[in-house]
Amino acid sequence: MNEELNELIVSYEDEREELTKRLNECLEDFDYLGAHKFQKGIAIANHQLVILNSIKDPSYQKKTELENMIRYYDRLKTISPLISDYIDEQVAKTNVELNILSNQKVDPFYDGQEFDDAIFDLAYSKILSIVFHLKKSSNLYLKFTCKKNNFIISVTPDEQIGNEVYFPKDKKRLLKSLGFKRNKTKEYFHLKLSLIHFKDSQQVKTIVSRVIYDVFYRNELDTETTLVIQSIF
């Protein structure tokens, strides 16, 4: 998965670089309509890079936030030298926090052996279902079941999700773009994957990562998730 992620990240970085070049050319030619289009393209590329880097490193967004804070303090110091001692103190604190994060090896919480084993057990009918809690306090979860040679991933029914979860219409449209559809009673979203050619959990993990970082990433999901397995017995 990491090799594929790295290739995607490099691809989007190259695309962003090319779009930035075209944007600057438009500005030099006073072509503001063209510049606006390239600016939108850069924003899309940046958004995808945040998602991909977050999949690779769950601490990516926090690290980026801390790095931006340090740059802000550096600029503030040139503007307000009278408070340079205070700024130096804040920079030192931020650097300590950043170093701690940088030295931690944090694997995505859906990328462990327990999750792999559970997916295989479900695919081969050794268990009935898996409930993967993303934010337990808000009852936000993904449920995995199998039926008629299909692996089914469903999201908490809308009415059961806590009010504090940010789940607007554009995110629901994004779920649809990933292949999710409303169930027959329109209560929740679900996605069906064929089990006929099932070989590993990679496709499932890719979908889970997109749901986490592209749909629900603003909701401060639990870093230690709960995996509930319903056995046959």
C-alpha atoms as a PDB file:
ATOM      1  CA  MET A   1       0.000   0.000   0.000  1.00  0.00           C
ATOM      2  CA  ASN A   2       2.812   2.447   0.849  1.00  0.00           C
ATOM      3  CA  GLU A   3       4.417   2.048  -2.582  1.00  0.00           C
ATOM      4  CA  GLU A   4       1.136   2.848  -4.322  1.00  0.00           C
ATOM      5  CA  LEU A   5       0.548   5.783  -1.976  1.00  0.00           C
ATOM      6  CA  ASN A   6       3.999   7.207  -2.656  1.00  0.00           C
ATOM      7  CA  GLU A   7       3.411   6.980  -6.405  1.00  0.00           C
ATOM      8  CA  LEU A   8       0.084   8.809  -6.054  1.00  0.00           C
ATOM      9  CA  ILE A   9       1.637  11.489  -3.850  1.00  0.00           C
ATOM     10  CA  VAL A  10       4.459  12.090  -6.339  1.00  0.00           C
ATOM     11  CA  SER A  11       1.912  12.227  -9.177  1.00  0.00           C
ATOM     12  CA  TYR A  12      -0.208  14.866  -7.431  1.00  0.00           C
ATOM     13  CA  GLU A  13       2.882  16.866  -6.458  1.00  0.00           C
ATOM     14  CA  ASP A  14       4.012  16.886 -10.093  1.00  0.00           C
ATOM     15  CA  GLU A  15       0.519  17.921 -11.181  1.00  0.00           C
ATOM     16  CA  ARG A  16       0.458  20.740  -8.620  1.00  0.00           C
ATOM     17  CA  GLU A  17       3.852  21.957  -9.812  1.00  0.00           C
ATOM     18  CA  GLU A  18       2.671  22.002 -13.439  1.00  0.00           C
ATOM     19  CA  LEU A  19      -0.584  23.768 -12.517  1.00  0.00           C
ATOM     20  CA  THR A  20       1.352  26.389 -10.537  1.00  0.00           C
ATOM     21  CA  LYS A  21       3.598  26.999 -13.560  1.00  0.00           C
ATOM     22  CA  ARG A  22       0.552  27.473 -15.805  1.00  0.00           C
ATOM     23  CA  LEU A  23      -1.061  29.749 -13.212  1.00  0.00           C
ATOM     24  CA  ASN A  24       1.984  32.029 -13.169  1.00  0.00           C
ATOM     25  CA  GLU A  25       2.015  32.134 -16.977  1.00  0.00           C
ATOM     26  CA  CYS A  26      -1.624  33.226 -16.977  1.00  0.00           C
ATOM     27  CA  LEU A  27      -0.900  35.964 -14.452  1.00  0.00           C
ATOM     28  CA  GLU A  28       2.005  37.235 -16.556  1.00  0.00           C
ATOM     29  CA  ASP A  29      -0.377  37.449 -19.544  1.00  0.00           C
ATOM     30  CA  PHE A  30      -3.150  39.031 -17.421  1.00  0.00           C
ATOM     31  CA  ASP A  31      -5.352  36.030 -18.202  1.00  0.00           C
ATOM     32  CA  TYR A  32      -7.242  36.041 -14.911  1.00  0.00           C
ATOM     33  CA  LEU A  33      -9.973  33.658 -16.077  1.00  0.00           C
ATOM     34  CA  GLY A  34      -7.361  31.055 -16.973  1.00  0.00           C
ATOM     35  CA  ALA A  35      -5.517  31.736 -13.719  1.00  0.00           C
ATOM     36  CA  HIS A  36      -8.724  31.121 -11.768  1.00  0.00           C
ATOM     37  CA  LYS A  37      -9.169  27.714 -13.402  1.00  0.00           C
ATOM     38  CA  PHE A  38      -5.601  26.661 -12.606  1.00  0.00           C
ATOM     39  CA  GLN A  39      -6.021  27.942  -9.046  1.00  0.00           C
ATOM     40  CA  LYS A  40      -9.039  25.651  -8.616  1.00  0.00           C
ATOM     41  CA  GLY A  41      -6.967  22.770  -9.968  1.00  0.00           C
ATOM     42  CA  ILE A  42      -4.206  23.504  -7.447  1.00  0.00           C
ATOM     43  CA  ALA A  43      -6.776  23.510  -4.618  1.00  0.00           C
ATOM     44  CA  ILE A  44      -8.053  20.090  -5.717  1.00  0.00           C
ATOM     45  CA  ALA A  45      -4.505  18.712  -5.910  1.00  0.00           C
ATOM     46  CA  ASN A  46      -3.710  20.108  -2.450  1.00  0.00           C
ATOM     47  CA  HIS A  47      -6.844  18.514  -1.014  1.00  0.00           C
ATOM     48  CA  GLN A  48      -5.933  15.130  -2.488  1.00  0.00           C
ATOM     49  CA  LEU A  49      -2.383  15.448  -1.139  1.00  0.00           C
ATOM     50  CA  VAL A  50      -3.732  16.084   2.363  1.00  0.00           C
ATOM     51  CA  ILE A  51      -5.869  12.946   2.108  1.00  0.00           C
ATOM     52  CA  LEU A  52      -3.069  10.763   0.702  1.00  0.00           C
ATOM     53  CA  ASN A  53      -0.472  12.002   3.175  1.00  0.00           C
ATOM     54  CA  SER A  54      -2.935  11.472   6.034  1.00  0.00           C
ATOM     55  CA  ILE A  55      -3.507   7.902   4.879  1.00  0.00           C
ATOM     56  CA  LYS A  56       0.267   7.386   4.866  1.00  0.00           C
ATOM     57  CA  ASP A  57       0.809   9.187   8.184  1.00  0.00           C
ATOM     58  CA  PRO A  58      -2.206   9.778  10.505  1.00  0.00           C
ATOM     59  CA  SER A  59      -0.221  12.576  12.212  1.00  0.00           C
ATOM     60  CA  TYR A  60       0.376  14.441   8.938  1.00  0.00           C
ATOM     61  CA  GLN A  61      -2.218  17.179   9.449  1.00  0.00           C
ATOM     62  CA  LYS A  62      -1.124  17.846  13.033  1.00  0.00           C
ATOM     63  CA  LYS A  63       2.522  18.029  11.934  1.00  0.00           C
ATOM     64  CA  THR A  64       1.592  20.446   9.140  1.00  0.00           C
ATOM     65  CA  GLU A  65      -0.334  22.579  11.629  1.00  0.00           C
ATOM     66  CA  LEU A  66       2.691  22.768  13.948  1.00  0.00           C
ATOM     67  CA  GLU A  67       5.053  23.594  11.077  1.00  0.00           C
ATOM     68  CA  ASN A  68       2.712  26.412   9.991  1.00  0.00           C
ATOM     69  CA  MET A  69       2.663  27.728  13.558  1.00  0.00           C
ATOM     70  CA  ILE A  70       6.461  27.883  13.621  1.00  0.00           C
ATOM     71  CA  ARG A  71       6.502  29.807  10.318  1.00  0.00           C
ATOM     72  CA  TYR A  72       3.875  32.179  11.716  1.00  0.00           C
ATOM     73  CA  TYR A  73       5.953  32.821  14.842  1.00  0.00           C
ATOM     74  CA  ASP A  74       9.023  33.486  12.696  1.00  0.00           C
ATOM     75  CA  ARG A  75       7.121  36.128  10.698  1.00  0.00           C
ATOM     76  CA  LEU A  76       5.652  37.606  13.877  1.00  0.00           C
ATOM     77  CA  LYS A  77       9.119  37.994  15.360  1.00  0.00           C
ATOM     78  CA  THR A  78      10.229  40.248  12.496  1.00  0.00           C
ATOM     79  CA  ILE A  79       7.118  42.401  12.927  1.00  0.00           C
ATOM     80  CA  SER A  80       7.092  42.532  16.739  1.00  0.00           C
ATOM     81  CA  PRO A  81      10.674  42.263  18.030  1.00  0.00           C
ATOM     82  CA  LEU A  82       9.612  43.546  21.466  1.00  0.00           C
ATOM     83  CA  ILE A  83       7.962  40.203  22.228  1.00  0.00           C
ATOM     84  CA  SER A  84      10.736  38.089  20.752  1.00  0.00           C
ATOM     85  CA  ASP A  85      11.384  36.323  24.078  1.00  0.00           C
ATOM     86  CA  TYR A  86       7.763  35.178  24.256  1.00  0.00           C
ATOM     87  CA  ILE A  87       7.862  34.086  20.595  1.00  0.00           C
ATOM     88  CA  ASP A  88      11.068  32.099  21.162  1.00  0.00           C
ATOM     89  CA  GLU A  89       9.383  30.330  24.072  1.00  0.00           C
ATOM     90  CA  GLN A  90       6.366  29.412  21.914  1.00  0.00           C
ATOM     91  CA  VAL A  91       8.588  28.225  19.061  1.00  0.00           C
ATOM     92  CA  ALA A  92      10.552  26.015  21.472  1.00  0.00           C
ATOM     93  CA  LYS A  93       7.336  24.446  22.823  1.00  0.00           C
ATOM     94  CA  THR A  94       6.001  23.868  19.326  1.00  0.00           C
ATOM     95  CA  ASN A  95       9.292  22.308  18.201  1.00  0.00           C
ATOM     96  CA  VAL A  96       9.201  19.895  21.136  1.00  0.00           C
ATOM     97  CA  GLU A  97       5.661  18.801  20.197  1.00  0.00           C
ATOM     98  CA  LEU A  98       6.648  18.478  16.533  1.00  0.00           C
ATOM     99  CA  ASN A  99       9.741  16.403  17.375  1.00  0.00           C
ATOM    100  CA  ILE A 100       7.684  14.047  19.522  1.00  0.00           C
ATOM    101  CA  LEU A 101       5.224  13.492  16.674  1.00  0.00           C
ATOM    102  CA  SER A 102       8.000  13.102  14.097  1.00  0.00           C
ATOM    103  CA  ASN A 103       9.715  10.413  16.167  1.00  0.00           C
ATOM    104  CA  GLN A 104       6.533   8.417  16.681  1.00  0.00           C
ATOM    105  CA  LYS A 105       5.676   5.604  14.293  1.00  0.00           C
ATOM    106  CA  VAL A 106       1.912   5.748  13.983  1.00  0.00           C
ATOM    107  CA  ASP A 107       0.256   3.211  11.704  1.00  0.00           C
ATOM    108  CA  PRO A 108      -3.258   3.855  10.401  1.00  0.00           C
ATOM    109  CA  PHE A 109      -5.677   2.325  12.898  1.00  0.00           C
ATOM    110  CA  TYR A 110      -7.327   0.172  10.216  1.00  0.00           C
ATOM    111  CA  ASP A 111      -4.018  -1.238   8.991  1.00  0.00           C
ATOM    112  CA  GLY A 112      -3.288  -3.744  11.760  1.00  0.00           C
ATOM    113  CA  GLN A 113      -3.314  -7.516  11.780  1.00  0.00           C
ATOM    114  CA  GLU A 114      -6.528  -7.654  13.820  1.00  0.00           C
ATOM    115  CA  PHE A 115      -8.416  -5.781  11.103  1.00  0.00           C
ATOM    116  CA  ASP A 116      -6.915  -7.986   8.347  1.00  0.00           C
ATOM    117  CA  ASP A 117      -7.844 -11.152  10.215  1.00  0.00           C
ATOM    118  CA  ALA A 118     -11.392  -9.943  10.808  1.00  0.00           C
ATOM    119  CA  ILE A 119     -11.892  -9.094   7.116  1.00  0.00           C
ATOM    120  CA  PHE A 120     -10.706 -12.561   6.052  1.00  0.00           C
ATOM    121  CA  ASP A 121     -12.850 -14.293   8.695  1.00  0.00           C
ATOM    122  CA  LEU A 122     -15.898 -12.405   7.452  1.00  0.00           C
ATOM    123  CA  ALA A 123     -15.160 -13.097   3.787  1.00  0.00           C
ATOM    124  CA  TYR A 124     -14.864 -16.806   4.516  1.00  0.00           C
ATOM    125  CA  SER A 125     -18.002 -16.923   6.707  1.00  0.00           C
ATOM    126  CA  LYS A 126     -16.181 -17.569   9.974  1.00  0.00           C
ATOM    127  CA  ILE A 127     -17.941 -14.604  11.608  1.00  0.00           C
ATOM    128  CA  LEU A 128     -21.243 -12.788  10.981  1.00  0.00           C
ATOM    129  CA  SER A 129     -20.246  -9.132  11.004  1.00  0.00           C
ATOM    130  CA  ILE A 130     -17.718  -6.488  12.034  1.00  0.00           C
ATOM    131  CA  VAL A 131     -18.534  -3.075  13.490  1.00  0.00           C
ATOM    132  CA  PHE A 132     -15.655  -0.632  13.185  1.00  0.00           C
ATOM    133  CA  HIS A 133     -16.263   2.355  15.475  1.00  0.00           C
ATOM    134  CA  LEU A 134     -14.757   5.572  14.093  1.00  0.00           C
ATOM    135  CA  LYS A 135     -16.117   7.883  16.791  1.00  0.00           C
ATOM    136  CA  LYS A 136     -17.871   5.901  19.481  1.00  0.00           C
ATOM    137  CA  SER A 137     -19.207   8.907  21.396  1.00  0.00           C
ATOM    138  CA  SER A 138     -21.165   9.901  18.281  1.00  0.00           C
ATOM    139  CA  ASN A 139     -22.131   6.357  17.261  1.00  0.00           C
ATOM    140  CA  LEU A 140     -20.216   6.782  13.998  1.00  0.00           C
ATOM    141  CA  TYR A 141     -19.156   3.424  12.613  1.00  0.00           C
ATOM    142  CA  LEU A 142     -18.664   1.273   9.540  1.00  0.00           C
ATOM    143  CA  LYS A 143     -20.380  -2.108   9.561  1.00  0.00           C
ATOM    144  CA  PHE A 144     -19.091  -4.992   7.452  1.00  0.00           C
ATOM    145  CA  THR A 145     -21.290  -7.938   6.474  1.00  0.00           C
ATOM    146  CA  CYS A 146     -21.430 -10.530   3.704  1.00  0.00           C
ATOM    147  CA  LYS A 147     -24.513 -11.531   1.725  1.00  0.00           C
ATOM    148  CA  LYS A 148     -25.002 -13.334  -1.597  1.00  0.00           C
ATOM    149  CA  ASN A 149     -21.309 -13.287  -2.542  1.00  0.00           C
ATOM    150  CA  ASN A 150     -21.068  -9.582  -1.729  1.00  0.00           C
ATOM    151  CA  PHE A 151     -18.920  -7.882   0.904  1.00  0.00           C
ATOM    152  CA  ILE A 152     -21.061  -5.015   2.222  1.00  0.00           C
ATOM    153  CA  ILE A 153     -19.761  -1.881   3.955  1.00  0.00           C
ATOM    154  CA  SER A 154     -22.446   0.311   5.532  1.00  0.00           C
ATOM    155  CA  VAL A 155     -22.298   3.622   7.421  1.00  0.00           C
ATOM    156  CA  THR A 156     -24.266   4.397  10.583  1.00  0.00           C
ATOM    157  CA  PRO A 157     -27.892   5.273   9.672  1.00  0.00           C
ATOM    158  CA  ASP A 158     -28.222   9.060   9.397  1.00  0.00           C
ATOM    159  CA  GLU A 159     -30.671   9.410  12.286  1.00  0.00           C
ATOM    160  CA  GLN A 160     -28.374   7.494  14.637  1.00  0.00           C
ATOM    161  CA  ILE A 161     -25.273   9.646  14.071  1.00  0.00           C
ATOM    162  CA  GLY A 162     -24.550  12.180  16.834  1.00  0.00           C
ATOM    163  CA  ASN A 163     -25.278  15.834  16.041  1.00  0.00           C
ATOM    164  CA  GLU A 164     -21.628  16.814  16.533  1.00  0.00           C
ATOM    165  CA  VAL A 165     -20.522  14.796  13.478  1.00  0.00           C
ATOM    166  CA  TYR A 166     -19.898  17.006  10.434  1.00  0.00           C
ATOM    167  CA  PHE A 167     -21.677  15.173   7.584  1.00  0.00           C
ATOM    168  CA  PRO A 168     -22.984  17.733   5.039  1.00  0.00           C
ATOM    169  CA  LYS A 169     -24.493  17.065   1.618  1.00  0.00           C
ATOM    170  CA  ASP A 170     -21.190  17.447  -0.238  1.00  0.00           C
ATOM    171  CA  LYS A 171     -19.693  14.638   1.866  1.00  0.00           C
ATOM    172  CA  LYS A 172     -22.690  12.454   1.123  1.00  0.00           C
ATOM    173  CA  ARG A 173     -22.123  13.128  -2.576  1.00  0.00           C
ATOM    174  CA  LEU A 174     -18.510  12.106  -2.061  1.00  0.00           C
ATOM    175  CA  LEU A 175     -19.634   8.809  -0.535  1.00  0.00           C
ATOM    176  CA  LYS A 176     -21.663   8.217  -3.694  1.00  0.00           C
ATOM    177  CA  SER A 177     -18.601   8.922  -5.833  1.00  0.00           C
ATOM    178  CA  LEU A 178     -16.794   6.148  -3.920  1.00  0.00           C
ATOM    179  CA  GLY A 179     -19.570   3.743  -4.898  1.00  0.00           C
ATOM    180  CA  PHE A 180     -21.848   4.014  -1.857  1.00  0.00           C
ATOM    181  CA  LYS A 181     -25.605   4.010  -2.418  1.00  0.00           C
ATOM    182  CA  ARG A 182     -28.671   4.443  -0.251  1.00  0.00           C
ATOM    183  CA  ASN A 183     -30.235   1.236   1.006  1.00  0.00           C
ATOM    184  CA  LYS A 184     -33.806   0.423  -0.067  1.00  0.00           C
ATOM    185  CA  THR A 185     -35.368   2.339   2.843  1.00  0.00           C
ATOM    186  CA  LYS A 186     -32.994   5.323   2.322  1.00  0.00           C
ATOM    187  CA  GLU A 187     -31.800   5.106   5.941  1.00  0.00           C
ATOM    188  CA  TYR A 188     -28.067   4.696   5.386  1.00  0.00           C
ATOM    189  CA  PHE A 189     -25.297   4.435   2.797  1.00  0.00           C
ATOM    190  CA  HIS A 190     -23.785   1.104   1.838  1.00  0.00           C
ATOM    191  CA  LEU A 191     -21.312  -0.261  -0.697  1.00  0.00           C
ATOM    192  CA  LYS A 192     -21.199  -3.772  -2.158  1.00  0.00           C
ATOM    193  CA  LEU A 193     -17.995  -5.492  -3.281  1.00  0.00           C
ATOM    194  CA  SER A 194     -18.015  -8.804  -5.088  1.00  0.00           C
ATOM    195  CA  LEU A 195     -16.450 -11.683  -3.172  1.00  0.00           C
ATOM    196  CA  ILE A 196     -15.961 -13.796  -6.291  1.00  0.00           C
ATOM    197  CA  HIS A 197     -12.393 -12.594  -6.831  1.00  0.00           C
ATOM    198  CA  PHE A 198     -11.572 -11.734  -3.202  1.00  0.00           C
ATOM    199  CA  LYS A 199      -7.841 -12.247  -2.512  1.00  0.00           C
ATOM    200  CA  ASP A 200      -6.869  -9.795   0.232  1.00  0.00           C
ATOM    201  CA  SER A 201      -8.173  -6.906   2.307  1.00  0.00           C
ATOM    202  CA  GLN A 202      -6.465  -4.176   0.276  1.00  0.00           C
ATOM    203  CA  GLN A 203      -9.563  -2.971  -1.581  1.00  0.00           C
ATOM    204  CA  VAL A 204     -11.538  -2.826   1.662  1.00  0.00           C
ATOM    205  CA  LYS A 205      -8.752  -0.903   3.431  1.00  0.00           C
ATOM    206  CA  THR A 206      -8.502   1.574   0.545  1.00  0.00           C
ATOM    207  CA  ILE A 207     -12.232   2.320   0.770  1.00  0.00           C
ATOM    208  CA  VAL A 208     -12.056   2.624   4.562  1.00  0.00           C
ATOM    209  CA  SER A 209      -9.154   5.074   4.284  1.00  0.00           C
ATOM    210  CA  ARG A 210     -11.086   7.230   1.782  1.00  0.00           C
ATOM    211  CA  VAL A 211     -14.154   7.277   4.046  1.00  0.00           C
ATOM    212  CA  ILE A 212     -12.031   8.239   7.052  1.00  0.00           C
ATOM    213  CA  TYR A 213      -9.861  10.944   5.487  1.00  0.00           C
ATOM    214  CA  ASP A 214     -12.021  12.242   2.655  1.00  0.00           C
ATOM    215  CA  VAL A 215     -15.484  12.115   4.241  1.00  0.00           C
ATOM    216  CA  PHE A 216     -15.103  12.255   8.026  1.00  0.00           C
ATOM    217  CA  TYR A 217     -11.604  13.659   8.556  1.00  0.00           C
ATOM    218  CA  ARG A 218     -12.892  16.901  10.136  1.00  0.00           C
ATOM    219  CA  ASN A 219     -14.595  15.080  12.975  1.00  0.00           C
ATOM    220  CA  GLU A 220     -11.573  14.226  15.174  1.00  0.00           C
ATOM    221  CA  LEU A 221     -12.136  10.497  14.961  1.00  0.00           C
ATOM    222  CA  ASP A 222     -11.014   8.193  17.750  1.00  0.00           C
ATOM    223  CA  THR A 223      -7.307   7.390  17.435  1.00  0.00           C
ATOM    224  CA  GLU A 224      -7.886   4.087  19.204  1.00  0.00           C
ATOM    225  CA  THR A 225     -10.892   2.560  17.519  1.00  0.00           C
ATOM    226  CA  THR A 226     -13.068  -0.297  18.714  1.00  0.00           C
ATOM    227  CA  LEU A 227     -13.534  -3.350  16.519  1.00  0.00           C
ATOM    228  CA  VAL A 228     -16.612  -5.377  17.483  1.00  0.00           C
ATOM    229  CA  ILE A 229     -16.849  -8.831  15.930  1.00  0.00           C
ATOM    230  CA  GLN A 230     -20.108 -10.812  15.933  1.00  0.00           C
ATOM    231  CA  SER A 231     -19.272 -14.486  15.917  1.00  0.00           C
ATOM    232  CA  ILE A 232     -21.435 -17.270  14.530  1.00  0.00           C
ATOM    233  CA  PHE A 233     -21.693 -19.035  17.880  1.00  0.00           C
END
